[in-house]
Amino acid sequence: MEAEKKESFWKELFKLILLSLIIVVPFRLYVAQPFIVDGLSMYPTFKDHAYLIIDELTYQFKTPERGSVLVFTPPKDSGKYYIKRVIGLPNETISLTNGEVTIINTTYPEGFKLNESYVKMSKAETANFVLGENEYFVMGDNRAQSADSRIWGPVPKENVIGRPIIRFLPPALFPGEREYQVAANQLR
C-alpha cells in the first residue's frame, strides 16, 4: 500500500512537471518574456532596473505605431536588447532641429512637429533621417542619455522583439503608452 502511494506520487509529479514544461516553455519562448531595463535612456517612463514582461506576439500580426514602446535588437548588435519609443514609421523623413522632431510623410509633405511632453531631457541637435520600407526610427525619452537611431540608424522590422505589457514597480499595464497618448491629445 505504501509503495503504491509513493509510485502514484512520483507518477503525478512527473505528469505535473511535463505538463508545466509543455505549457511554460513555448509561452516563454514565443509569447512573453521578462526584461529588465538597464540604464536611464527611457527615464522618466522607465527607471533603471524596472522589471517588465514583454509581449512577443502582437507585432507578428500588426505593425508598431508612432509613440509605442519597443524592445528590439539594434541593427549592428543582435546580442543586446534595447527599449525605446517609436518616433518615425516606414518611408518617413525625420528632421531634428535643435531637439524638436518633425515628421515628413505623404500625409504631411510639409511636416508636423511631434508634441513630446514626456521628454524631460532633450538634446539640441540637428539632423535628417530618411526611413526605408520596414524601418523604424526610435529614440529614448531621455534624449540626453540615449543611444538610439540617431547613432546607429533605423531599426529593421525583423529586429523588433515586442512591446512591454506589464511593469511591476510601479505597477502598470502597457507602460509608456499613456505618456504618448497624453502628449498626442494635447495637439487636438
N, C-alpha and C. Protein backbone atom coordinates (compact mmCIF):
# COMPACT_ATOMS: atom_id res chain seq x y z
N MET A 1 0.83 -1.20 0.00
CA MET A 1 0.00 0.00 0.00
C MET A 1 0.87 1.26 0.00
N GLU A 2 1.87 1.30 0.86
CA GLU A 2 2.79 2.44 0.94
C GLU A 2 3.56 2.59 -0.36
N ALA A 3 3.98 1.50 -0.97
CA ALA A 3 4.73 1.54 -2.22
C ALA A 3 3.86 2.08 -3.35
N GLU A 4 2.56 1.71 -3.36
CA GLU A 4 1.64 2.21 -4.39
C GLU A 4 1.47 3.73 -4.27
N LYS A 5 1.38 4.25 -3.04
CA LYS A 5 1.23 5.69 -2.82
C LYS A 5 2.46 6.43 -3.33
N LYS A 6 3.66 5.90 -3.03
CA LYS A 6 4.89 6.54 -3.49
C LYS A 6 4.96 6.54 -5.01
N GLU A 7 4.61 5.39 -5.62
CA GLU A 7 4.64 5.29 -7.08
C GLU A 7 3.63 6.27 -7.69
N SER A 8 2.45 6.37 -7.13
CA SER A 8 1.42 7.28 -7.62
C SER A 8 1.89 8.74 -7.47
N PHE A 9 2.54 9.05 -6.33
CA PHE A 9 3.05 10.39 -6.10
C PHE A 9 4.07 10.78 -7.18
N TRP A 10 5.03 9.90 -7.44
CA TRP A 10 6.07 10.21 -8.43
C TRP A 10 5.49 10.28 -9.84
N LYS A 11 4.53 9.45 -10.12
CA LYS A 11 3.88 9.48 -11.42
C LYS A 11 3.15 10.82 -11.62
N GLU A 12 2.41 11.26 -10.62
CA GLU A 12 1.68 12.54 -10.69
C GLU A 12 2.65 13.72 -10.76
N LEU A 13 3.73 13.64 -10.00
CA LEU A 13 4.73 14.70 -10.04
C LEU A 13 5.36 14.79 -11.43
N PHE A 14 5.68 13.67 -12.02
CA PHE A 14 6.24 13.64 -13.37
C PHE A 14 5.26 14.26 -14.38
N LYS A 15 3.98 13.90 -14.28
CA LYS A 15 2.96 14.45 -15.18
C LYS A 15 2.85 15.97 -15.02
N LEU A 16 2.89 16.44 -13.78
CA LEU A 16 2.79 17.87 -13.50
C LEU A 16 3.98 18.62 -14.09
N ILE A 17 5.17 18.09 -13.90
CA ILE A 17 6.38 18.73 -14.45
C ILE A 17 6.33 18.71 -15.97
N LEU A 18 5.96 17.61 -16.57
CA LEU A 18 5.87 17.50 -18.02
C LEU A 18 4.83 18.48 -18.58
N LEU A 19 3.68 18.55 -17.97
CA LEU A 19 2.64 19.47 -18.41
C LEU A 19 3.09 20.92 -18.26
N SER A 20 3.76 21.22 -17.16
CA SER A 20 4.28 22.58 -16.95
C SER A 20 5.28 22.95 -18.05
N LEU A 21 6.17 22.03 -18.37
CA LEU A 21 7.16 22.30 -19.43
C LEU A 21 6.49 22.49 -20.79
N ILE A 22 5.48 21.70 -21.07
CA ILE A 22 4.77 21.81 -22.35
C ILE A 22 4.08 23.16 -22.48
N ILE A 23 3.59 23.71 -21.37
CA ILE A 23 2.90 25.00 -21.40
C ILE A 23 3.87 26.16 -21.24
N VAL A 24 4.74 26.12 -20.25
CA VAL A 24 5.59 27.25 -19.89
C VAL A 24 6.68 27.52 -20.93
N VAL A 25 7.36 26.52 -21.39
CA VAL A 25 8.49 26.73 -22.31
C VAL A 25 8.04 27.41 -23.61
N PRO A 26 7.02 26.91 -24.31
CA PRO A 26 6.60 27.62 -25.53
C PRO A 26 6.09 29.04 -25.23
N PHE A 27 5.38 29.21 -24.12
CA PHE A 27 4.89 30.54 -23.74
C PHE A 27 6.07 31.48 -23.56
N ARG A 28 7.07 31.03 -22.85
CA ARG A 28 8.26 31.85 -22.58
C ARG A 28 9.05 32.15 -23.85
N LEU A 29 9.14 31.19 -24.76
CA LEU A 29 9.93 31.36 -25.98
C LEU A 29 9.22 32.19 -27.05
N TYR A 30 7.89 32.07 -27.15
CA TYR A 30 7.20 32.68 -28.28
C TYR A 30 6.13 33.71 -27.93
N VAL A 31 5.75 33.84 -26.69
CA VAL A 31 4.65 34.74 -26.35
C VAL A 31 5.10 35.88 -25.46
N ALA A 32 5.75 35.61 -24.36
CA ALA A 32 6.15 36.66 -23.42
C ALA A 32 7.45 36.27 -22.73
N GLN A 33 8.24 37.30 -22.38
CA GLN A 33 9.47 37.05 -21.66
C GLN A 33 9.76 38.22 -20.73
N PRO A 34 10.50 37.96 -19.66
CA PRO A 34 10.86 39.05 -18.75
C PRO A 34 11.97 39.91 -19.34
N PHE A 35 12.02 41.16 -18.92
CA PHE A 35 13.01 42.12 -19.41
C PHE A 35 13.30 43.11 -18.28
N ILE A 36 14.57 43.38 -18.05
CA ILE A 36 14.95 44.36 -17.02
C ILE A 36 15.61 45.54 -17.72
N VAL A 37 15.08 46.73 -17.46
CA VAL A 37 15.61 47.95 -18.06
C VAL A 37 16.99 48.22 -17.47
N ASP A 38 17.95 48.49 -18.34
CA ASP A 38 19.32 48.76 -17.92
C ASP A 38 19.69 50.17 -18.37
N GLY A 39 19.69 51.11 -17.44
CA GLY A 39 20.06 52.49 -17.76
C GLY A 39 18.89 53.45 -17.68
N LEU A 40 19.18 54.71 -17.99
CA LEU A 40 18.20 55.78 -17.85
C LEU A 40 17.76 56.38 -19.18
N SER A 41 17.95 55.67 -20.28
CA SER A 41 17.61 56.25 -21.59
C SER A 41 16.11 56.45 -21.78
N MET A 42 15.28 55.75 -21.03
CA MET A 42 13.83 55.91 -21.15
C MET A 42 13.23 56.61 -19.92
N TYR A 43 14.08 57.20 -19.09
CA TYR A 43 13.60 57.91 -17.91
C TYR A 43 12.82 59.16 -18.34
N PRO A 44 11.72 59.52 -17.77
CA PRO A 44 11.09 59.01 -16.56
C PRO A 44 10.09 57.88 -16.80
N THR A 45 9.86 57.49 -18.06
CA THR A 45 8.88 56.43 -18.36
C THR A 45 9.29 55.12 -17.70
N PHE A 46 10.57 54.75 -17.82
CA PHE A 46 11.09 53.53 -17.19
C PHE A 46 12.36 53.89 -16.44
N LYS A 47 12.39 53.53 -15.18
CA LYS A 47 13.57 53.76 -14.37
C LYS A 47 14.55 52.60 -14.55
N ASP A 48 15.79 52.84 -14.18
CA ASP A 48 16.82 51.81 -14.23
C ASP A 48 16.37 50.61 -13.39
N HIS A 49 16.54 49.43 -13.90
CA HIS A 49 16.20 48.16 -13.24
C HIS A 49 14.70 47.89 -13.16
N ALA A 50 13.89 48.61 -13.93
CA ALA A 50 12.45 48.31 -13.97
C ALA A 50 12.27 46.90 -14.54
N TYR A 51 11.38 46.13 -13.94
CA TYR A 51 11.13 44.75 -14.36
C TYR A 51 9.86 44.74 -15.22
N LEU A 52 9.99 44.28 -16.47
CA LEU A 52 8.89 44.28 -17.41
C LEU A 52 8.61 42.89 -17.94
N ILE A 53 7.38 42.68 -18.40
CA ILE A 53 7.04 41.50 -19.18
C ILE A 53 6.79 41.99 -20.60
N ILE A 54 7.46 41.35 -21.57
CA ILE A 54 7.41 41.75 -22.96
C ILE A 54 6.50 40.83 -23.75
N ASP A 55 5.56 41.41 -24.49
CA ASP A 55 4.67 40.68 -25.40
C ASP A 55 5.41 40.51 -26.72
N GLU A 56 5.70 39.28 -27.09
CA GLU A 56 6.43 39.00 -28.33
C GLU A 56 5.51 38.64 -29.49
N LEU A 57 4.21 38.60 -29.25
CA LEU A 57 3.27 38.11 -30.25
C LEU A 57 2.61 39.22 -31.06
N THR A 58 2.27 40.33 -30.44
CA THR A 58 1.48 41.38 -31.09
C THR A 58 2.06 41.83 -32.42
N TYR A 59 3.37 42.11 -32.46
CA TYR A 59 3.95 42.65 -33.68
C TYR A 59 4.19 41.60 -34.75
N GLN A 60 3.78 40.37 -34.50
CA GLN A 60 3.75 39.37 -35.56
C GLN A 60 2.51 39.58 -36.43
N PHE A 61 1.49 40.28 -35.87
CA PHE A 61 0.21 40.46 -36.56
C PHE A 61 -0.12 41.91 -36.89
N LYS A 62 0.54 42.86 -36.24
CA LYS A 62 0.30 44.27 -36.55
C LYS A 62 1.62 45.03 -36.47
N THR A 63 1.65 46.20 -37.08
CA THR A 63 2.88 46.97 -37.11
C THR A 63 2.93 47.94 -35.93
N PRO A 64 4.12 48.27 -35.46
CA PRO A 64 4.24 49.25 -34.39
C PRO A 64 3.71 50.62 -34.83
N GLU A 65 3.15 51.35 -33.89
CA GLU A 65 2.62 52.68 -34.17
C GLU A 65 3.53 53.73 -33.56
N ARG A 66 3.44 54.95 -34.07
CA ARG A 66 4.21 56.05 -33.53
C ARG A 66 3.84 56.22 -32.05
N GLY A 67 4.85 56.36 -31.22
CA GLY A 67 4.63 56.54 -29.79
C GLY A 67 4.67 55.26 -28.98
N SER A 68 4.54 54.11 -29.65
CA SER A 68 4.60 52.86 -28.89
C SER A 68 6.05 52.59 -28.47
N VAL A 69 6.18 51.80 -27.42
CA VAL A 69 7.49 51.47 -26.89
C VAL A 69 7.86 50.08 -27.41
N LEU A 70 9.09 49.96 -27.92
CA LEU A 70 9.56 48.69 -28.49
C LEU A 70 10.74 48.13 -27.72
N VAL A 71 10.83 46.82 -27.70
CA VAL A 71 12.05 46.12 -27.30
C VAL A 71 12.56 45.49 -28.59
N PHE A 72 13.85 45.67 -28.87
CA PHE A 72 14.41 45.26 -30.15
C PHE A 72 15.91 45.05 -30.01
N THR A 73 16.49 44.52 -31.06
CA THR A 73 17.95 44.47 -31.16
C THR A 73 18.35 45.53 -32.18
N PRO A 74 19.41 46.30 -31.89
CA PRO A 74 19.82 47.33 -32.85
C PRO A 74 20.40 46.70 -34.11
N PRO A 75 20.48 47.48 -35.19
CA PRO A 75 20.90 46.93 -36.49
C PRO A 75 22.24 46.18 -36.48
N LYS A 76 23.22 46.63 -35.71
CA LYS A 76 24.55 46.02 -35.80
C LYS A 76 24.97 45.25 -34.55
N ASP A 77 24.03 45.02 -33.61
CA ASP A 77 24.38 44.32 -32.37
C ASP A 77 23.22 43.44 -31.94
N SER A 78 23.13 42.26 -32.53
CA SER A 78 21.99 41.38 -32.25
C SER A 78 22.09 40.68 -30.90
N GLY A 79 23.15 40.94 -30.16
CA GLY A 79 23.30 40.27 -28.88
C GLY A 79 22.72 41.02 -27.69
N LYS A 80 22.24 42.25 -27.92
CA LYS A 80 21.75 43.06 -26.81
C LYS A 80 20.38 43.61 -27.13
N TYR A 81 19.50 43.64 -26.13
CA TYR A 81 18.16 44.19 -26.30
C TYR A 81 18.13 45.64 -25.86
N TYR A 82 17.36 46.46 -26.57
CA TYR A 82 17.14 47.86 -26.22
C TYR A 82 15.66 48.12 -26.08
N ILE A 83 15.31 49.17 -25.36
CA ILE A 83 13.93 49.61 -25.24
C ILE A 83 13.89 51.10 -25.56
N LYS A 84 13.06 51.46 -26.54
CA LYS A 84 12.94 52.86 -26.99
C LYS A 84 11.52 53.10 -27.49
N ARG A 85 11.23 54.38 -27.77
CA ARG A 85 9.92 54.78 -28.29
C ARG A 85 9.99 54.96 -29.81
N VAL A 86 8.95 54.52 -30.53
CA VAL A 86 8.87 54.69 -31.97
C VAL A 86 8.55 56.15 -32.27
N ILE A 87 9.43 56.78 -33.05
CA ILE A 87 9.26 58.17 -33.46
C ILE A 87 8.88 58.24 -34.93
N GLY A 88 9.58 57.49 -35.77
CA GLY A 88 9.34 57.51 -37.21
C GLY A 88 8.92 56.15 -37.74
N LEU A 89 8.01 56.18 -38.70
CA LEU A 89 7.47 54.97 -39.32
C LEU A 89 8.07 54.76 -40.71
N PRO A 90 7.90 53.58 -41.29
CA PRO A 90 8.47 53.31 -42.61
C PRO A 90 8.13 54.39 -43.65
N ASN A 91 9.12 54.69 -44.48
CA ASN A 91 9.01 55.64 -45.59
C ASN A 91 8.78 57.09 -45.15
N GLU A 92 9.14 57.44 -43.94
CA GLU A 92 9.03 58.82 -43.48
C GLU A 92 10.42 59.45 -43.40
N THR A 93 10.44 60.78 -43.32
CA THR A 93 11.67 61.51 -43.07
C THR A 93 11.56 62.13 -41.70
N ILE A 94 12.58 61.96 -40.88
CA ILE A 94 12.64 62.51 -39.54
C ILE A 94 13.62 63.67 -39.57
N SER A 95 13.16 64.82 -39.16
CA SER A 95 14.01 66.00 -39.13
C SER A 95 14.14 66.48 -37.70
N LEU A 96 15.39 66.52 -37.21
CA LEU A 96 15.67 67.02 -35.86
C LEU A 96 16.26 68.42 -36.01
N THR A 97 15.65 69.39 -35.35
CA THR A 97 16.14 70.77 -35.38
C THR A 97 16.17 71.29 -33.96
N ASN A 98 17.37 71.46 -33.42
CA ASN A 98 17.55 71.90 -32.04
C ASN A 98 16.72 71.07 -31.06
N GLY A 99 16.66 69.77 -31.29
CA GLY A 99 15.96 68.86 -30.39
C GLY A 99 14.49 68.66 -30.70
N GLU A 100 13.89 69.49 -31.56
CA GLU A 100 12.50 69.29 -31.95
C GLU A 100 12.41 68.30 -33.09
N VAL A 101 11.40 67.42 -33.04
CA VAL A 101 11.23 66.38 -34.04
C VAL A 101 10.11 66.75 -35.00
N THR A 102 10.42 66.76 -36.29
CA THR A 102 9.42 66.99 -37.33
C THR A 102 9.34 65.74 -38.19
N ILE A 103 8.11 65.30 -38.46
CA ILE A 103 7.86 64.11 -39.28
C ILE A 103 7.35 64.57 -40.64
N ILE A 104 7.98 64.08 -41.70
CA ILE A 104 7.55 64.39 -43.06
C ILE A 104 7.14 63.07 -43.73
N ASN A 105 5.90 63.04 -44.23
CA ASN A 105 5.40 61.84 -44.90
C ASN A 105 4.41 62.24 -45.99
N THR A 106 3.78 61.26 -46.63
CA THR A 106 2.86 61.58 -47.73
C THR A 106 1.63 62.33 -47.25
N THR A 107 1.17 62.10 -46.04
CA THR A 107 0.02 62.81 -45.49
C THR A 107 0.38 64.25 -45.13
N TYR A 108 1.59 64.46 -44.64
CA TYR A 108 2.08 65.78 -44.23
C TYR A 108 3.38 66.10 -44.96
N PRO A 109 3.30 66.46 -46.26
CA PRO A 109 4.53 66.72 -47.02
C PRO A 109 5.32 67.92 -46.51
N GLU A 110 4.65 68.84 -45.80
CA GLU A 110 5.34 69.98 -45.19
C GLU A 110 5.84 69.63 -43.79
N GLY A 111 5.39 68.49 -43.28
CA GLY A 111 5.83 68.01 -41.98
C GLY A 111 4.96 68.49 -40.84
N PHE A 112 5.05 67.78 -39.72
CA PHE A 112 4.39 68.19 -38.48
C PHE A 112 5.33 67.92 -37.32
N LYS A 113 5.28 68.77 -36.32
CA LYS A 113 6.14 68.63 -35.14
C LYS A 113 5.48 67.71 -34.13
N LEU A 114 6.28 66.83 -33.56
CA LEU A 114 5.77 65.96 -32.51
C LEU A 114 5.68 66.74 -31.20
N ASN A 115 4.58 66.55 -30.50
CA ASN A 115 4.45 67.09 -29.15
C ASN A 115 4.95 66.00 -28.22
N GLU A 116 6.08 66.20 -27.62
CA GLU A 116 6.70 65.17 -26.78
C GLU A 116 6.84 65.67 -25.35
N SER A 117 5.73 65.94 -24.70
CA SER A 117 5.77 66.45 -23.33
C SER A 117 6.36 65.44 -22.36
N TYR A 118 6.42 64.16 -22.74
CA TYR A 118 7.00 63.13 -21.88
C TYR A 118 8.53 63.20 -21.89
N VAL A 119 9.13 63.92 -22.84
CA VAL A 119 10.58 64.06 -22.89
C VAL A 119 11.00 65.14 -21.91
N LYS A 120 11.75 64.75 -20.89
CA LYS A 120 12.17 65.70 -19.85
C LYS A 120 13.57 66.25 -20.11
N MET A 121 14.43 65.47 -20.74
CA MET A 121 15.79 65.91 -21.01
C MET A 121 16.09 65.71 -22.48
N SER A 122 16.03 66.81 -23.24
CA SER A 122 16.28 66.69 -24.67
C SER A 122 17.74 67.04 -24.99
N LYS A 123 18.06 66.95 -26.24
CA LYS A 123 19.42 67.23 -26.69
C LYS A 123 19.31 68.11 -27.93
N ALA A 124 19.89 69.29 -27.88
CA ALA A 124 19.82 70.21 -29.01
C ALA A 124 20.73 69.71 -30.12
N GLU A 125 20.13 69.14 -31.15
CA GLU A 125 20.89 68.62 -32.28
C GLU A 125 20.09 68.80 -33.55
N THR A 126 20.77 68.77 -34.67
CA THR A 126 20.11 68.94 -35.96
C THR A 126 20.59 67.83 -36.89
N ALA A 127 19.61 67.12 -37.48
CA ALA A 127 19.94 66.03 -38.41
C ALA A 127 18.67 65.62 -39.15
N ASN A 128 18.83 64.92 -40.27
CA ASN A 128 17.72 64.37 -41.04
C ASN A 128 17.97 62.88 -41.26
N PHE A 129 16.89 62.11 -41.21
CA PHE A 129 16.97 60.68 -41.42
C PHE A 129 15.83 60.26 -42.34
N VAL A 130 16.14 59.51 -43.39
CA VAL A 130 15.12 59.02 -44.31
C VAL A 130 14.97 57.52 -44.07
N LEU A 131 13.74 57.09 -43.78
CA LEU A 131 13.48 55.69 -43.48
C LEU A 131 13.03 54.95 -44.73
N GLY A 132 13.48 53.72 -44.84
CA GLY A 132 13.05 52.86 -45.94
C GLY A 132 11.82 52.05 -45.54
N GLU A 133 11.45 51.17 -46.42
CA GLU A 133 10.33 50.29 -46.13
C GLU A 133 10.72 49.36 -44.97
N ASN A 134 9.81 49.13 -44.05
CA ASN A 134 10.02 48.25 -42.89
C ASN A 134 11.14 48.72 -41.96
N GLU A 135 11.32 50.04 -41.85
CA GLU A 135 12.30 50.61 -40.92
C GLU A 135 11.61 51.57 -39.96
N TYR A 136 12.08 51.55 -38.71
CA TYR A 136 11.52 52.41 -37.67
C TYR A 136 12.62 53.27 -37.06
N PHE A 137 12.28 54.52 -36.78
CA PHE A 137 13.21 55.42 -36.11
C PHE A 137 12.80 55.46 -34.65
N VAL A 138 13.70 55.10 -33.75
CA VAL A 138 13.39 55.02 -32.32
C VAL A 138 14.31 55.94 -31.53
N MET A 139 13.75 56.50 -30.45
CA MET A 139 14.55 57.36 -29.58
C MET A 139 14.13 57.10 -28.14
N GLY A 140 15.08 57.31 -27.22
CA GLY A 140 14.77 57.21 -25.81
C GLY A 140 14.05 58.46 -25.34
N ASP A 141 13.27 58.35 -24.29
CA ASP A 141 12.57 59.51 -23.73
C ASP A 141 13.55 60.48 -23.07
N ASN A 142 14.67 59.98 -22.61
CA ASN A 142 15.72 60.81 -22.03
C ASN A 142 16.77 61.02 -23.12
N ARG A 143 16.52 61.96 -24.00
CA ARG A 143 17.33 62.15 -25.21
C ARG A 143 18.78 62.43 -24.91
N ALA A 144 19.05 63.07 -23.77
CA ALA A 144 20.44 63.43 -23.44
C ALA A 144 21.29 62.20 -23.11
N GLN A 145 20.65 61.09 -22.71
CA GLN A 145 21.40 59.89 -22.30
C GLN A 145 20.97 58.65 -23.06
N SER A 146 20.59 58.80 -24.32
CA SER A 146 20.06 57.66 -25.05
C SER A 146 20.89 57.33 -26.29
N ALA A 147 21.30 56.07 -26.39
CA ALA A 147 21.87 55.55 -27.64
C ALA A 147 20.68 55.01 -28.41
N ASP A 148 20.43 55.56 -29.59
CA ASP A 148 19.23 55.18 -30.33
C ASP A 148 19.45 55.36 -31.82
N SER A 149 18.39 55.51 -32.60
CA SER A 149 18.51 55.61 -34.06
C SER A 149 19.32 56.81 -34.51
N ARG A 150 19.50 57.81 -33.67
CA ARG A 150 20.36 58.94 -34.02
C ARG A 150 21.80 58.48 -34.17
N ILE A 151 22.16 57.41 -33.48
CA ILE A 151 23.54 56.91 -33.51
C ILE A 151 23.69 55.75 -34.49
N TRP A 152 22.85 54.71 -34.38
CA TRP A 152 23.04 53.53 -35.21
C TRP A 152 21.99 53.33 -36.29
N GLY A 153 21.17 54.34 -36.55
CA GLY A 153 20.24 54.28 -37.68
C GLY A 153 18.92 53.60 -37.35
N PRO A 154 18.09 53.46 -38.38
CA PRO A 154 16.76 52.89 -38.18
C PRO A 154 16.81 51.41 -37.79
N VAL A 155 15.74 50.98 -37.14
CA VAL A 155 15.61 49.59 -36.71
C VAL A 155 14.78 48.83 -37.75
N PRO A 156 15.33 47.79 -38.35
CA PRO A 156 14.54 46.98 -39.29
C PRO A 156 13.42 46.24 -38.56
N LYS A 157 12.31 46.06 -39.23
CA LYS A 157 11.16 45.39 -38.62
C LYS A 157 11.52 44.01 -38.06
N GLU A 158 12.40 43.30 -38.74
CA GLU A 158 12.76 41.95 -38.27
C GLU A 158 13.54 41.96 -36.95
N ASN A 159 14.04 43.13 -36.53
CA ASN A 159 14.76 43.23 -35.26
C ASN A 159 13.84 43.52 -34.07
N VAL A 160 12.56 43.78 -34.35
CA VAL A 160 11.61 44.09 -33.27
C VAL A 160 11.28 42.80 -32.52
N ILE A 161 11.47 42.83 -31.20
CA ILE A 161 11.18 41.68 -30.35
C ILE A 161 9.75 41.75 -29.84
N GLY A 162 9.34 42.92 -29.34
CA GLY A 162 7.99 43.05 -28.81
C GLY A 162 7.79 44.37 -28.11
N ARG A 163 6.78 44.40 -27.25
CA ARG A 163 6.44 45.62 -26.51
C ARG A 163 6.17 45.27 -25.06
N PRO A 164 6.46 46.20 -24.16
CA PRO A 164 6.17 45.92 -22.75
C PRO A 164 4.67 45.93 -22.50
N ILE A 165 4.19 44.90 -21.80
CA ILE A 165 2.77 44.87 -21.47
C ILE A 165 2.53 45.01 -19.97
N ILE A 166 3.55 44.70 -19.17
CA ILE A 166 3.41 44.84 -17.71
C ILE A 166 4.71 45.40 -17.15
N ARG A 167 4.56 46.40 -16.27
CA ARG A 167 5.68 46.89 -15.47
C ARG A 167 5.30 46.56 -14.03
N PHE A 168 6.23 45.96 -13.29
CA PHE A 168 5.91 45.53 -11.93
C PHE A 168 5.97 46.65 -10.91
N LEU A 169 7.00 47.49 -10.94
CA LEU A 169 7.10 48.58 -9.95
C LEU A 169 7.43 49.90 -10.62
N PRO A 170 6.64 50.92 -10.51
CA PRO A 170 5.26 50.86 -10.04
C PRO A 170 4.42 50.09 -11.05
N PRO A 171 3.41 49.39 -10.57
CA PRO A 171 2.61 48.53 -11.45
C PRO A 171 1.91 49.31 -12.55
N ALA A 172 1.95 48.76 -13.76
CA ALA A 172 1.27 49.39 -14.89
C ALA A 172 1.06 48.37 -16.00
N LEU A 173 -0.09 48.46 -16.66
CA LEU A 173 -0.35 47.70 -17.87
C LEU A 173 -0.02 48.58 -19.06
N PHE A 174 0.61 48.05 -20.07
CA PHE A 174 1.04 48.76 -21.26
C PHE A 174 1.77 50.05 -20.89
N PRO A 175 2.84 49.94 -20.12
CA PRO A 175 3.57 51.13 -19.68
C PRO A 175 4.21 51.87 -20.86
N GLY A 176 4.20 53.19 -20.78
CA GLY A 176 4.78 54.02 -21.82
C GLY A 176 3.77 54.50 -22.84
N GLU A 177 2.66 53.80 -22.98
CA GLU A 177 1.66 54.19 -23.97
C GLU A 177 0.84 55.39 -23.47
N ARG A 178 0.57 55.46 -22.20
CA ARG A 178 -0.22 56.55 -21.65
C ARG A 178 0.48 57.89 -21.85
N GLU A 179 1.80 57.93 -21.63
CA GLU A 179 2.56 59.17 -21.77
C GLU A 179 2.43 59.73 -23.19
N TYR A 180 2.49 58.83 -24.17
CA TYR A 180 2.38 59.29 -25.56
C TYR A 180 0.97 59.76 -25.85
N GLN A 181 -0.05 59.04 -25.37
CA GLN A 181 -1.44 59.43 -25.62
C GLN A 181 -1.75 60.80 -25.05
N VAL A 182 -1.23 61.09 -23.85
CA VAL A 182 -1.44 62.40 -23.24
C VAL A 182 -0.83 63.49 -24.12
N ALA A 183 0.40 63.26 -24.60
CA ALA A 183 1.07 64.25 -25.46
C ALA A 183 0.31 64.41 -26.78
N ALA A 184 -0.15 63.32 -27.36
CA ALA A 184 -0.87 63.38 -28.64
C ALA A 184 -2.20 64.12 -28.46
N ASN A 185 -2.89 63.91 -27.36
CA ASN A 185 -4.16 64.58 -27.11
C ASN A 185 -3.99 66.09 -26.92
N GLN A 186 -2.83 66.52 -26.48
CA GLN A 186 -2.59 67.94 -26.30
C GLN A 186 -2.52 68.67 -27.64
N LEU A 187 -2.30 67.93 -28.74
CA LEU A 187 -2.26 68.55 -30.06
C LEU A 187 -3.65 68.90 -30.58
N ARG A 188 -4.66 68.20 -30.07
CA ARG A 188 -6.02 68.38 -30.59
C ARG A 188 -6.69 69.60 -30.03
